[in-house]
C-alpha atoms as a PDB file:
ATOM      1  CA  MET A   1     313.878-121.914 -10.982  1.00  0.00           C
ATOM      2  CA  LYS A   2     316.019-122.095  -7.817  1.00  0.00           C
ATOM      3  CA  MET A   3     314.173-121.881  -4.493  1.00  0.00           C
ATOM      4  CA  LEU A   4     315.454-122.216  -0.922  1.00  0.00           C
ATOM      5  CA  ILE A   5     312.931-124.886   0.082  1.00  0.00           C
ATOM      6  CA  ASN A   6     312.716-128.602   0.833  1.00  0.00           C
ATOM      7  CA  VAL A   7     309.594-129.614  -1.079  1.00  0.00           C
ATOM      8  CA  PRO A   8     306.649-127.440  -2.180  1.00  0.00           C
ATOM      9  CA  GLU A   9     304.206-129.351   0.027  1.00  0.00           C
ATOM     10  CA  THR A  10     305.899-128.260   3.298  1.00  0.00           C
ATOM     11  CA  VAL A  11     306.838-124.657   2.502  1.00  0.00           C
ATOM     12  CA  VAL A  12     304.312-123.066   4.880  1.00  0.00           C
ATOM     13  CA  GLU A  13     304.903-125.618   7.637  1.00  0.00           C
ATOM     14  CA  ASP A  14     308.675-125.117   7.409  1.00  0.00           C
ATOM     15  CA  ALA A  15     308.296-121.334   7.547  1.00  0.00           C
ATOM     16  CA  LEU A  16     306.054-121.548  10.612  1.00  0.00           C
ATOM     17  CA  ARG A  17     308.565-123.774  12.391  1.00  0.00           C
ATOM     18  CA  GLY A  18     311.265-121.229  11.643  1.00  0.00           C
ATOM     19  CA  MET A  19     309.076-118.384  12.856  1.00  0.00           C
ATOM     20  CA  ALA A  20     308.395-120.199  16.130  1.00  0.00           C
ATOM     21  CA  ALA A  21     312.117-120.686  16.718  1.00  0.00           C
ATOM     22  CA  ALA A  22     312.991-117.077  15.897  1.00  0.00           C
ATOM     23  CA  HIS A  23     310.190-115.384  17.850  1.00  0.00           C
ATOM     24  CA  PRO A  24     309.577-116.868  21.314  1.00  0.00           C
ATOM     25  CA  ASP A  25     307.189-113.973  22.030  1.00  0.00           C
ATOM     26  CA  LEU A  26     304.729-115.716  19.692  1.00  0.00           C
ATOM     27  CA  THR A  27     302.772-118.934  20.084  1.00  0.00           C
ATOM     28  CA  VAL A  28     302.913-120.670  16.703  1.00  0.00           C
ATOM     29  CA  ASP A  29     300.690-123.705  16.158  1.00  0.00           C
ATOM     30  CA  VAL A  30     302.365-125.250  13.131  1.00  0.00           C
ATOM     31  CA  GLU A  31     299.839-128.053  12.692  1.00  0.00           C
ATOM     32  CA  LYS A  32     296.696-125.935  13.046  1.00  0.00           C
ATOM     33  CA  ARG A  33     298.211-122.886  11.303  1.00  0.00           C
ATOM     34  CA  VAL A  34     297.556-120.139  13.855  1.00  0.00           C
ATOM     35  CA  ILE A  35     300.018-117.493  15.120  1.00  0.00           C
ATOM     36  CA  VAL A  36     299.119-115.813  18.435  1.00  0.00           C
ATOM     37  CA  ARG A  37     300.837-113.239  20.651  1.00  0.00           C
ATOM     38  CA  ARG A  38     302.067-115.142  23.673  1.00  0.00           C
ATOM     39  CA  ASP A  39     300.305-112.968  26.267  1.00  0.00           C
ATOM     40  CA  ALA A  40     296.865-113.435  24.656  1.00  0.00           C
ATOM     41  CA  PRO A  41     294.137-113.042  25.627  1.00  0.00           C
ATOM     42  CA  VAL A  42     294.837-109.612  27.108  1.00  0.00           C
ATOM     43  CA  ALA A  43     292.228-108.770  29.748  1.00  0.00           C
ATOM     44  CA  GLY A  44     289.702-106.161  28.639  1.00  0.00           C
ATOM     45  CA  LYS A  45     291.315-105.684  25.235  1.00  0.00           C
ATOM     46  CA  VAL A  46     289.631-105.970  21.830  1.00  0.00           C
ATOM     47  CA  ALA A  47     291.503-108.610  19.830  1.00  0.00           C
ATOM     48  CA  LEU A  48     292.500-108.160  16.189  1.00  0.00           C
ATOM     49  CA  VAL A  49     292.667-111.209  13.909  1.00  0.00           C
ATOM     50  CA  SER A  50     293.689-111.249  10.269  1.00  0.00           C
ATOM     51  CA  GLY A  51     295.080-113.710   7.773  1.00  0.00           C
ATOM     52  CA  GLY A  52     295.371-114.712   4.170  1.00  0.00           C
ATOM     53  CA  GLY A  53     297.409-116.768   1.801  1.00  0.00           C
ATOM     54  CA  SER A  54     301.104-117.185   2.537  1.00  0.00           C
ATOM     55  CA  GLY A  55     303.595-115.553   0.204  1.00  0.00           C
ATOM     56  CA  HIS A  56     302.958-111.950   1.301  1.00  0.00           C
ATOM     57  CA  GLU A  57     305.316-111.936   4.277  1.00  0.00           C
ATOM     58  CA  PRO A  58     305.682-110.230   6.662  1.00  0.00           C
ATOM     59  CA  LEU A  59     301.891-109.887   6.202  1.00  0.00           C
ATOM     60  CA  HIS A  60     300.136-111.202   8.336  1.00  0.00           C
ATOM     61  CA  GLY A  61     302.058-113.297  10.832  1.00  0.00           C
ATOM     62  CA  GLY A  62     304.839-110.743  10.980  1.00  0.00           C
ATOM     63  CA  TYR A  63     302.391-108.220  12.420  1.00  0.00           C
ATOM     64  CA  VAL A  64     301.287-110.233  15.446  1.00  0.00           C
ATOM     65  CA  GLY A  65     302.283-108.628  18.721  1.00  0.00           C
ATOM     66  CA  PRO A  66     301.652-105.672  21.053  1.00  0.00           C
ATOM     67  CA  GLY A  67     300.264-102.691  19.164  1.00  0.00           C
ATOM     68  CA  MET A  68     299.053-104.623  16.146  1.00  0.00           C
ATOM     69  CA  LEU A  69     297.422-108.051  15.613  1.00  0.00           C
ATOM     70  CA  ASP A  70     296.599-110.550  18.345  1.00  0.00           C
ATOM     71  CA  ALA A  71     296.514-113.490  15.934  1.00  0.00           C
ATOM     72  CA  ALA A  72     297.009-114.355  12.275  1.00  0.00           C
ATOM     73  CA  CYS A  73     295.927-117.300  10.149  1.00  0.00           C
ATOM     74  CA  PRO A  74     298.288-118.255   7.300  1.00  0.00           C
ATOM     75  CA  GLY A  75     296.825-120.203   4.397  1.00  0.00           C
ATOM     76  CA  GLU A  76     298.729-122.122   1.781  1.00  0.00           C
ATOM     77  CA  VAL A  77     300.611-119.985  -0.735  1.00  0.00           C
ATOM     78  CA  PHE A  78     298.175-117.501  -2.321  1.00  0.00           C
ATOM     79  CA  THR A  79     295.266-119.499  -0.836  1.00  0.00           C
ATOM     80  CA  SER A  80     292.828-118.326   1.812  1.00  0.00           C
ATOM     81  CA  PRO A  81     293.008-119.833   5.290  1.00  0.00           C
ATOM     82  CA  VAL A  82     289.963-121.868   6.308  1.00  0.00           C
ATOM     83  CA  PRO A  83     287.224-120.900   8.787  1.00  0.00           C
ATOM     84  CA  ASP A  84     288.439-123.398  11.402  1.00  0.00           C
ATOM     85  CA  GLN A  85     291.732-121.499  11.629  1.00  0.00           C
ATOM     86  CA  MET A  86     289.941-118.202  12.098  1.00  0.00           C
ATOM     87  CA  VAL A  87     287.589-119.512  14.764  1.00  0.00           C
ATOM     88  CA  ARG A  88     290.511-121.126  16.579  1.00  0.00           C
ATOM     89  CA  ALA A  89     292.406-117.821  16.465  1.00  0.00           C
ATOM     90  CA  ALA A  90     289.404-115.836  17.706  1.00  0.00           C
ATOM     91  CA  ALA A  91     288.869-118.210  20.616  1.00  0.00           C
ATOM     92  CA  ALA A  92     292.551-118.024  21.567  1.00  0.00           C
ATOM     93  CA  VAL A  93     292.632-114.223  21.793  1.00  0.00           C
ATOM     94  CA  ASP A  94     289.117-113.236  22.898  1.00  0.00           C
ATOM     95  CA  SER A  95     289.119-111.661  26.365  1.00  0.00           C
ATOM     96  CA  GLY A  96     285.390-110.995  26.305  1.00  0.00           C
ATOM     97  CA  ALA A  97     285.809-107.526  24.768  1.00  0.00           C
ATOM     98  CA  GLY A  98     285.211-108.808  21.244  1.00  0.00           C
ATOM     99  CA  VAL A  99     287.257-109.630  18.158  1.00  0.00           C
ATOM    100  CA  LEU A 100     287.804-107.582  14.988  1.00  0.00           C
ATOM    101  CA  PHE A 101     288.454-109.515  11.783  1.00  0.00           C
ATOM    102  CA  ILE A 102     290.534-107.554   9.258  1.00  0.00           C
ATOM    103  CA  VAL A 103     289.872-109.030   5.820  1.00  0.00           C
ATOM    104  CA  LYS A 104     291.540-108.228   2.494  1.00  0.00           C
ATOM    105  CA  ASN A 105     289.011-108.111  -0.338  1.00  0.00           C
ATOM    106  CA  TYR A 106     289.587-111.439  -2.090  1.00  0.00           C
ATOM    107  CA  THR A 107     286.693-113.803  -2.665  1.00  0.00           C
ATOM    108  CA  GLY A 108     288.097-116.732  -0.674  1.00  0.00           C
ATOM    109  CA  ASP A 109     289.126-114.557   2.281  1.00  0.00           C
ATOM    110  CA  VAL A 110     285.736-112.826   2.399  1.00  0.00           C
ATOM    111  CA  LEU A 111     283.726-116.054   2.245  1.00  0.00           C
ATOM    112  CA  ASN A 112     285.829-117.843   4.844  1.00  0.00           C
ATOM    113  CA  PHE A 113     286.033-114.939   7.295  1.00  0.00           C
ATOM    114  CA  ASN A 114     282.251-114.424   7.020  1.00  0.00           C
ATOM    115  CA  MET A 115     281.671-118.083   7.800  1.00  0.00           C
ATOM    116  CA  ALA A 116     284.159-117.919  10.666  1.00  0.00           C
ATOM    117  CA  ALA A 117     282.388-114.893  12.136  1.00  0.00           C
ATOM    118  CA  GLU A 118     279.105-116.803  12.233  1.00  0.00           C
ATOM    119  CA  LEU A 119     280.751-119.849  13.831  1.00  0.00           C
ATOM    120  CA  ALA A 120     282.578-117.703  16.402  1.00  0.00           C
ATOM    121  CA  GLU A 121     279.388-115.906  17.347  1.00  0.00           C
ATOM    122  CA  ASP A 122     277.723-119.294  17.833  1.00  0.00           C
ATOM    123  CA  GLU A 123     280.448-119.920  20.419  1.00  0.00           C
ATOM    124  CA  GLY A 124     279.624-116.657  22.201  1.00  0.00           C
ATOM    125  CA  ILE A 125     282.408-114.524  20.738  1.00  0.00           C
ATOM    126  CA  GLN A 126     281.396-111.027  19.630  1.00  0.00           C
ATOM    127  CA  VAL A 127     282.867-110.398  16.161  1.00  0.00           C
ATOM    128  CA  ALA A 128     283.062-107.353  13.907  1.00  0.00           C
ATOM    129  CA  SER A 129     284.699-107.319  10.462  1.00  0.00           C
ATOM    130  CA  VAL A 130     286.392-104.688   8.328  1.00  0.00           C
ATOM    131  CA  LEU A 131     287.080-105.181   4.622  1.00  0.00           C
ATOM    132  CA  VAL A 132     290.244-103.665   3.111  1.00  0.00           C
ATOM    133  CA  ASN A 133     289.797-102.647  -0.548  1.00  0.00           C
ATOM    134  CA  ASP A 134     292.340 -99.948  -1.323  1.00  0.00           C
ATOM    135  CA  ASP A 135     293.758-100.862  -4.766  1.00  0.00           C
ATOM    136  CA  VAL A 136     292.750 -98.257  -7.354  1.00  0.00           C
ATOM    137  CA  ALA A 137     294.294-100.099 -10.322  1.00  0.00           C
ATOM    138  CA  VAL A 138     291.313-102.213 -11.385  1.00  0.00           C
ATOM    139  CA  THR A 139     287.892-103.409 -10.262  1.00  0.00           C
ATOM    140  CA  ASP A 140     286.691-107.032 -10.364  1.00  0.00           C
ATOM    141  CA  SER A 141     290.094-108.547 -11.082  1.00  0.00           C
ATOM    142  CA  LEU A 142     291.022-112.214 -10.641  1.00  0.00           C
ATOM    143  CA  PHE A 143     290.075-113.474  -7.127  1.00  0.00           C
ATOM    144  CA  THR A 144     288.140-110.269  -6.431  1.00  0.00           C
ATOM    145  CA  ALA A 145     284.692-108.721  -6.565  1.00  0.00           C
ATOM    146  CA  GLY A 146     285.418-105.011  -6.292  1.00  0.00           C
ATOM    147  CA  ARG A 147     288.777-103.498  -5.454  1.00  0.00           C
ATOM    148  CA  ARG A 148     291.641-105.615  -4.152  1.00  0.00           C
ATOM    149  CA  GLY A 149     292.992-105.296  -0.624  1.00  0.00           C
ATOM    150  CA  THR A 150     296.709-104.467  -0.596  1.00  0.00           C
ATOM    151  CA  GLY A 151     299.046-102.064   1.221  1.00  0.00           C
ATOM    152  CA  ALA A 152     296.375-100.308   3.295  1.00  0.00           C
ATOM    153  CA  THR A 153     296.087-103.562   5.254  1.00  0.00           C
ATOM    154  CA  LEU A 154     299.239-102.544   7.112  1.00  0.00           C
ATOM    155  CA  PHE A 155     297.804 -99.111   7.950  1.00  0.00           C
ATOM    156  CA  VAL A 156     294.549-100.659   9.185  1.00  0.00           C
ATOM    157  CA  GLU A 157     296.284-103.282  11.325  1.00  0.00           C
ATOM    158  CA  LYS A 158     298.723-100.788  12.860  1.00  0.00           C
ATOM    159  CA  ILE A 159     296.319 -97.943  13.595  1.00  0.00           C
ATOM    160  CA  ALA A 160     293.386-100.093  14.743  1.00  0.00           C
ATOM    161  CA  GLY A 161     295.836-102.243  16.700  1.00  0.00           C
ATOM    162  CA  ALA A 162     297.084 -99.194  18.587  1.00  0.00           C
ATOM    163  CA  ALA A 163     293.516 -98.153  19.376  1.00  0.00           C
ATOM    164  CA  ALA A 164     292.782-101.624  20.756  1.00  0.00           C
ATOM    165  CA  GLU A 165     296.003-101.556  22.788  1.00  0.00           C
ATOM    166  CA  GLU A 166     294.801 -98.316  24.403  1.00  0.00           C
ATOM    167  CA  GLY A 167     291.588-100.065  25.492  1.00  0.00           C
ATOM    168  CA  ALA A 168     289.125 -98.673  22.957  1.00  0.00           C
ATOM    169  CA  PRO A 169     285.871-100.675  22.751  1.00  0.00           C
ATOM    170  CA  LEU A 170     285.056-102.875  19.747  1.00  0.00           C
ATOM    171  CA  GLU A 171     282.737-100.368  18.057  1.00  0.00           C
ATOM    172  CA  ARG A 172     285.450 -97.702  18.277  1.00  0.00           C
ATOM    173  CA  VAL A 173     288.237 -99.963  16.991  1.00  0.00           C
ATOM    174  CA  GLU A 174     286.019-101.064  14.107  1.00  0.00           C
ATOM    175  CA  ALA A 175     285.146 -97.452  13.231  1.00  0.00           C
ATOM    176  CA  ILE A 176     288.813 -96.422  13.209  1.00  0.00           C
ATOM    177  CA  ALA A 177     289.732 -99.391  11.018  1.00  0.00           C
ATOM    178  CA  ARG A 178     286.984 -98.477   8.544  1.00  0.00           C
ATOM    179  CA  ARG A 179     288.086 -94.857   8.490  1.00  0.00           C
ATOM    180  CA  VAL A 180     291.677 -95.833   7.733  1.00  0.00           C
ATOM    181  CA  ASN A 181     290.586 -98.079   4.866  1.00  0.00           C
ATOM    182  CA  GLU A 182     288.274 -95.436   3.423  1.00  0.00           C
ATOM    183  CA  SER A 183     291.106 -92.887   3.603  1.00  0.00           C
ATOM    184  CA  SER A 184     293.667 -95.114   1.816  1.00  0.00           C
ATOM    185  CA  ARG A 185     294.466 -95.945  -1.803  1.00  0.00           C
ATOM    186  CA  SER A 186     297.205 -98.073  -3.401  1.00  0.00           C
ATOM    187  CA  PHE A 187     298.775 -98.763  -6.784  1.00  0.00           C
ATOM    188  CA  GLY A 188     301.365-101.427  -7.636  1.00  0.00           C
ATOM    189  CA  VAL A 189     303.862-102.017 -10.432  1.00  0.00           C
ATOM    190  CA  ALA A 190     305.551-105.311 -11.407  1.00  0.00           C
ATOM    191  CA  LEU A 191     308.966-105.454 -13.028  1.00  0.00           C
ATOM    192  CA  SER A 192     308.985-109.267 -13.043  1.00  0.00           C
ATOM    193  CA  PRO A 193     306.508-112.112 -12.414  1.00  0.00           C
ATOM    194  CA  CYS A 194     306.400-114.036  -9.140  1.00  0.00           C
ATOM    195  CA  SER A 195     307.129-117.765  -8.809  1.00  0.00           C
ATOM    196  CA  THR A 196     305.141-120.119  -6.589  1.00  0.00           C
ATOM    197  CA  PRO A 197     306.755-123.200  -5.006  1.00  0.00           C
ATOM    198  CA  SER A 198     304.088-125.496  -6.459  1.00  0.00           C
ATOM    199  CA  LYS A 199     304.665-124.259  -9.994  1.00  0.00           C
ATOM    200  CA  GLY A 200     308.416-123.969  -9.595  1.00  0.00           C
ATOM    201  CA  GLY A 201     308.523-121.009 -11.949  1.00  0.00           C
ATOM    202  CA  PRO A 202     306.816-117.773 -13.006  1.00  0.00           C
ATOM    203  CA  THR A 203     303.035-117.606 -12.621  1.00  0.00           C
ATOM    204  CA  PHE A 204     302.638-115.277 -15.599  1.00  0.00           C
ATOM    205  CA  ASP A 205     304.684-114.049 -18.535  1.00  0.00           C
ATOM    206  CA  LEU A 206     306.221-110.593 -18.451  1.00  0.00           C
ATOM    207  CA  PRO A 207     308.662-110.168 -21.324  1.00  0.00           C
ATOM    208  CA  GLU A 208     312.104-108.694 -20.742  1.00  0.00           C
ATOM    209  CA  GLY A 209     312.004-104.939 -21.058  1.00  0.00           C
ATOM    210  CA  GLU A 210     308.334-104.590 -20.072  1.00  0.00           C
ATOM    211  CA  LEU A 211     306.465-103.812 -16.842  1.00  0.00           C
ATOM    212  CA  GLU A 212     302.896-104.238 -15.616  1.00  0.00           C
ATOM    213  CA  LEU A 213     301.162-101.138 -14.253  1.00  0.00           C
ATOM    214  CA  GLY A 214     298.533-101.861 -11.601  1.00  0.00           C
ATOM    215  CA  ILE A 215     299.628-105.402 -10.716  1.00  0.00           C
ATOM    216  CA  GLY A 216     297.884-107.343  -7.931  1.00  0.00           C
ATOM    217  CA  ILE A 217     299.732-109.024  -5.063  1.00  0.00           C
ATOM    218  CA  HIS A 218     299.051-112.473  -6.534  1.00  0.00           C
ATOM    219  CA  GLY A 219     300.259-111.446  -9.976  1.00  0.00           C
ATOM    220  CA  GLU A 220     296.787-110.476 -11.198  1.00  0.00           C
ATOM    221  CA  PRO A 221     296.773-108.327 -14.343  1.00  0.00           C
ATOM    222  CA  GLY A 222     296.884-104.571 -13.959  1.00  0.00           C
ATOM    223  CA  ARG A 223     295.818-101.672 -16.168  1.00  0.00           C
ATOM    224  CA  GLU A 224     298.355-102.017 -18.930  1.00  0.00           C
ATOM    225  CA  ARG A 225     301.794-103.181 -19.988  1.00  0.00           C
ATOM    226  CA  ARG A 226     304.440-100.778 -21.183  1.00  0.00           C
ATOM    227  CA  ALA A 227     308.082-100.729 -22.121  1.00  0.00           C
ATOM    228  CA  MET A 228     310.291-100.348 -19.049  1.00  0.00           C
ATOM    229  CA  MET A 229     310.040 -96.906 -17.459  1.00  0.00           C
ATOM    230  CA  THR A 230     312.360 -94.962 -15.165  1.00  0.00           C
ATOM    231  CA  SER A 231     311.690 -94.664 -11.433  1.00  0.00           C
ATOM    232  CA  HIS A 232     310.762 -91.029 -12.104  1.00  0.00           C
ATOM    233  CA  GLU A 233     308.149 -92.030 -14.688  1.00  0.00           C
ATOM    234  CA  ILE A 234     306.713 -94.885 -12.594  1.00  0.00           C
ATOM    235  CA  ALA A 235     306.304 -92.577  -9.591  1.00  0.00           C
ATOM    236  CA  ASP A 236     304.445 -90.036 -11.743  1.00  0.00           C
ATOM    237  CA  PHE A 237     302.050 -92.724 -12.993  1.00  0.00           C
ATOM    238  CA  ALA A 238     301.488 -94.522  -9.656  1.00  0.00           C
ATOM    239  CA  VAL A 239     301.074 -91.462  -7.446  1.00  0.00           C
ATOM    240  CA  ASP A 240     298.796 -89.726  -9.948  1.00  0.00           C
ATOM    241  CA  ALA A 241     296.632 -92.872 -10.093  1.00  0.00           C
ATOM    242  CA  VAL A 242     296.267 -92.773  -6.294  1.00  0.00           C
ATOM    243  CA  LEU A 243     295.767 -89.021  -5.949  1.00  0.00           C
ATOM    244  CA  SER A 244     293.178 -88.858  -8.727  1.00  0.00           C
ATOM    245  CA  ASP A 245     291.048 -91.244  -6.677  1.00  0.00           C
ATOM    246  CA  LEU A 246     291.867 -90.098  -3.132  1.00  0.00           C
ATOM    247  CA  ALA A 247     292.276 -86.292  -3.551  1.00  0.00           C
ATOM    248  CA  PRO A 248     293.733 -85.719  -0.050  1.00  0.00           C
ATOM    249  CA  THR A 249     293.210 -82.333   1.590  1.00  0.00           C
ATOM    250  CA  GLY A 250     295.613 -82.767   4.494  1.00  0.00           C
ATOM    251  CA  PRO A 251     298.770 -84.594   5.547  1.00  0.00           C
ATOM    252  CA  VAL A 252     299.195 -88.213   4.493  1.00  0.00           C
ATOM    253  CA  LEU A 253     300.824 -91.456   5.540  1.00  0.00           C
ATOM    254  CA  VAL A 254     302.907 -92.984   2.758  1.00  0.00           C
ATOM    255  CA  LEU A 255     303.962 -96.605   2.298  1.00  0.00           C
ATOM    256  CA  VAL A 256     306.541 -97.294  -0.405  1.00  0.00           C
ATOM    257  CA  ASN A 257     306.374-101.067  -0.455  1.00  0.00           C
ATOM    258  CA  GLY A 258     308.581-103.634  -2.146  1.00  0.00           C
ATOM    259  CA  MET A 259     306.953-106.647  -3.778  1.00  0.00           C
ATOM    260  CA  GLY A 260     309.589-109.070  -2.501  1.00  0.00           C
ATOM    261  CA  ALA A 261     312.598-108.877  -4.821  1.00  0.00           C
ATOM    262  CA  THR A 262     313.329-105.164  -5.092  1.00  0.00           C
ATOM    263  CA  PRO A 263     316.425-104.024  -3.127  1.00  0.00           C
ATOM    264  CA  LEU A 264     316.107-101.268  -0.571  1.00  0.00           C
ATOM    265  CA  LEU A 265     318.578 -99.219  -2.609  1.00  0.00           C
ATOM    266  CA  GLU A 266     315.992 -99.078  -5.393  1.00  0.00           C
ATOM    267  CA  LEU A 267     313.035 -98.637  -3.025  1.00  0.00           C
ATOM    268  CA  TYR A 268     314.588 -95.611  -1.333  1.00  0.00           C
ATOM    269  CA  GLY A 269     315.339 -94.116  -4.734  1.00  0.00           C
ATOM    270  CA  PHE A 270     311.744 -94.732  -5.763  1.00  0.00           C
ATOM    271  CA  SER A 271     310.573 -93.222  -2.474  1.00  0.00           C
ATOM    272  CA  ALA A 272     312.473 -90.040  -3.336  1.00  0.00           C
ATOM    273  CA  GLU A 273     310.532 -89.877  -6.605  1.00  0.00           C
ATOM    274  CA  VAL A 274     307.246 -90.478  -4.794  1.00  0.00           C
ATOM    275  CA  GLN A 275     308.044 -87.612  -2.437  1.00  0.00           C
ATOM    276  CA  ARG A 276     308.869 -85.417  -5.442  1.00  0.00           C
ATOM    277  CA  VAL A 277     305.472 -86.079  -7.023  1.00  0.00           C
ATOM    278  CA  LEU A 278     303.654 -85.458  -3.755  1.00  0.00           C
ATOM    279  CA  GLY A 279     305.486 -82.163  -3.338  1.00  0.00           C
ATOM    280  CA  GLU A 280     304.627 -81.118  -6.883  1.00  0.00           C
ATOM    281  CA  ARG A 281     300.954 -81.912  -6.193  1.00  0.00           C
ATOM    282  CA  GLY A 282     300.982 -79.959  -2.921  1.00  0.00           C
ATOM    283  CA  VAL A 283     300.551 -83.044  -0.707  1.00  0.00           C
ATOM    284  CA  VAL A 284     302.411 -83.162   2.616  1.00  0.00           C
ATOM    285  CA  ALA A 285     303.821 -86.550   3.659  1.00  0.00           C
ATOM    286  CA  ALA A 286     303.589 -86.619   7.455  1.00  0.00           C
ATOM    287  CA  ARG A 287     305.124 -90.100   7.783  1.00  0.00           C
ATOM    288  CA  THR A 288     306.793 -92.392   5.225  1.00  0.00           C
ATOM    289  CA  LEU A 289     307.552 -96.098   5.588  1.00  0.00           C
ATOM    290  CA  VAL A 290     309.853 -97.788   3.065  1.00  0.00           C
ATOM    291  CA  GLY A 291     310.510-101.527   2.758  1.00  0.00           C
ATOM    292  CA  ASN A 292     309.080-104.955   1.960  1.00  0.00           C
ATOM    293  CA  TYR A 293     305.852-105.170   3.957  1.00  0.00           C
ATOM    294  CA  VAL A 294     303.123-106.605   1.684  1.00  0.00           C
ATOM    295  CA  THR A 295     304.952-108.796  -0.794  1.00  0.00           C
ATOM    296  CA  ALA A 296     304.237-111.172  -3.676  1.00  0.00           C
ATOM    297  CA  LEU A 297     306.864-113.874  -3.163  1.00  0.00           C
ATOM    298  CA  ASP A 298     309.836-113.031  -5.425  1.00  0.00           C
ATOM    299  CA  MET A 299     308.183-110.380  -7.576  1.00  0.00           C
ATOM    300  CA  ALA A 300     310.323-107.373  -8.464  1.00  0.00           C
ATOM    301  CA  GLY A 301     308.385-104.140  -8.270  1.00  0.00           C
ATOM    302  CA  ALA A 302     306.806-101.745  -5.818  1.00  0.00           C
ATOM    303  CA  SER A 303     303.524-100.320  -4.647  1.00  0.00           C
ATOM    304  CA  VAL A 304     302.539 -96.960  -3.225  1.00  0.00           C
ATOM    305  CA  THR A 305     299.868 -96.603  -0.535  1.00  0.00           C
ATOM    306  CA  ILE A 306     298.687 -93.192   0.608  1.00  0.00           C
ATOM    307  CA  CYS A 307     296.352 -92.546   3.552  1.00  0.00           C
ATOM    308  CA  GLN A 308     294.882 -89.151   4.372  1.00  0.00           C
ATOM    309  CA  ALA A 309     295.596 -89.079   8.093  1.00  0.00           C
ATOM    310  CA  ASP A 310     293.931 -86.977  10.769  1.00  0.00           C
ATOM    311  CA  GLU A 311     295.579 -86.217  14.128  1.00  0.00           C
ATOM    312  CA  GLU A 312     294.187 -89.344  15.767  1.00  0.00           C
ATOM    313  CA  MET A 313     295.486 -91.590  12.999  1.00  0.00           C
ATOM    314  CA  LEU A 314     298.954 -90.043  13.223  1.00  0.00           C
ATOM    315  CA  ARG A 315     299.000 -90.455  17.000  1.00  0.00           C
ATOM    316  CA  LEU A 316     297.975 -94.102  16.733  1.00  0.00           C
ATOM    317  CA  TRP A 317     300.488 -94.684  13.929  1.00  0.00           C
ATOM    318  CA  ASP A 318     303.273 -93.355  16.182  1.00  0.00           C
ATOM    319  CA  ALA A 319     302.140 -95.469  19.148  1.00  0.00           C
ATOM    320  CA  PRO A 320     304.472 -98.293  20.244  1.00  0.00           C
ATOM    321  CA  VAL A 321     304.424-101.545  18.283  1.00  0.00           C
ATOM    322  CA  GLN A 322     306.417-104.735  18.788  1.00  0.00           C
ATOM    323  CA  THR A 323     306.054-107.365  16.079  1.00  0.00           C
ATOM    324  CA  ALA A 324     308.443-109.367  13.934  1.00  0.00           C
ATOM    325  CA  GLY A 325     307.829-107.133  10.920  1.00  0.00           C
ATOM    326  CA  LEU A 326     307.222-103.723  12.478  1.00  0.00           C
ATOM    327  CA  ARG A 327     308.518-102.311  15.749  1.00  0.00           C
ATOM    328  CA  TRP A 328     309.167 -98.927  17.295  1.00  0.00           C
ATOM    329  CA  GLY A 329     308.599 -96.986  20.505  1.00  0.00           C
ATOM    330  CA  ARG A 330     308.966 -99.854  22.982  1.00  0.00           C
END
């Protein structure tokens, strides 16, 4: 398996050094593994901190900046960051208005962020936490008690980040983040396995000519395997899986997300099929984002995230954002 790396042991360190060089608007502590917006702490502003295993880029470090996260903690590949990173990040961005931890629902992330919250509060930092658990594919999969946290993480970080940027207090930012998560559902499909640097090859076997419906972002098993389907057929299956659980009654935000190795040509074609299904089901897509945003290393495939959005959510979604992975309006 060919990979553009030096050695597996330094993959995350090397990536952080490259990120620091490319984005001078960020403060990147390569040794202590914390990425912070350079102007932090911002006086009077609630700070948003998230993190998780590396390999899902641009999540989370790519979403640090005005209008989104104040800090992110990258772990090793597909491995949770440790509480020390999270406490360090919280201390670096806390202005006294409090810190919101945004946590994807994976056992290691939940345990470590909970421990970090207790340690941060011991240091006088007010902390609230929101759990993202939007994946409708399965419950209690590998790494997870309950539903997995996937594409809705981007919606939560963007919309809650905009609320914090406007000066909303911690309780309000937390409530908005919870509402976004509760209004969002996701479903992913793998066309190929992913390969980790440490393994040097695929992490699971997916025979040629087959796909996995309901895949997790670490390559966790989904609902079922089938012979390869067309984009039209995959969109029918994925969108119906989301809508049968969410049942939106108003306009929605849509994320058509690549898993890391799917070209934009294919993603835009798949997005057209997603829009077709939504139209057939009478669902209005108010905003659609297409691209690689919550990835699984080199996995080929896609996921669909749908969020029933009220007027406030749409306004906050449209608000300016300036990060490495998402930017508009500034």
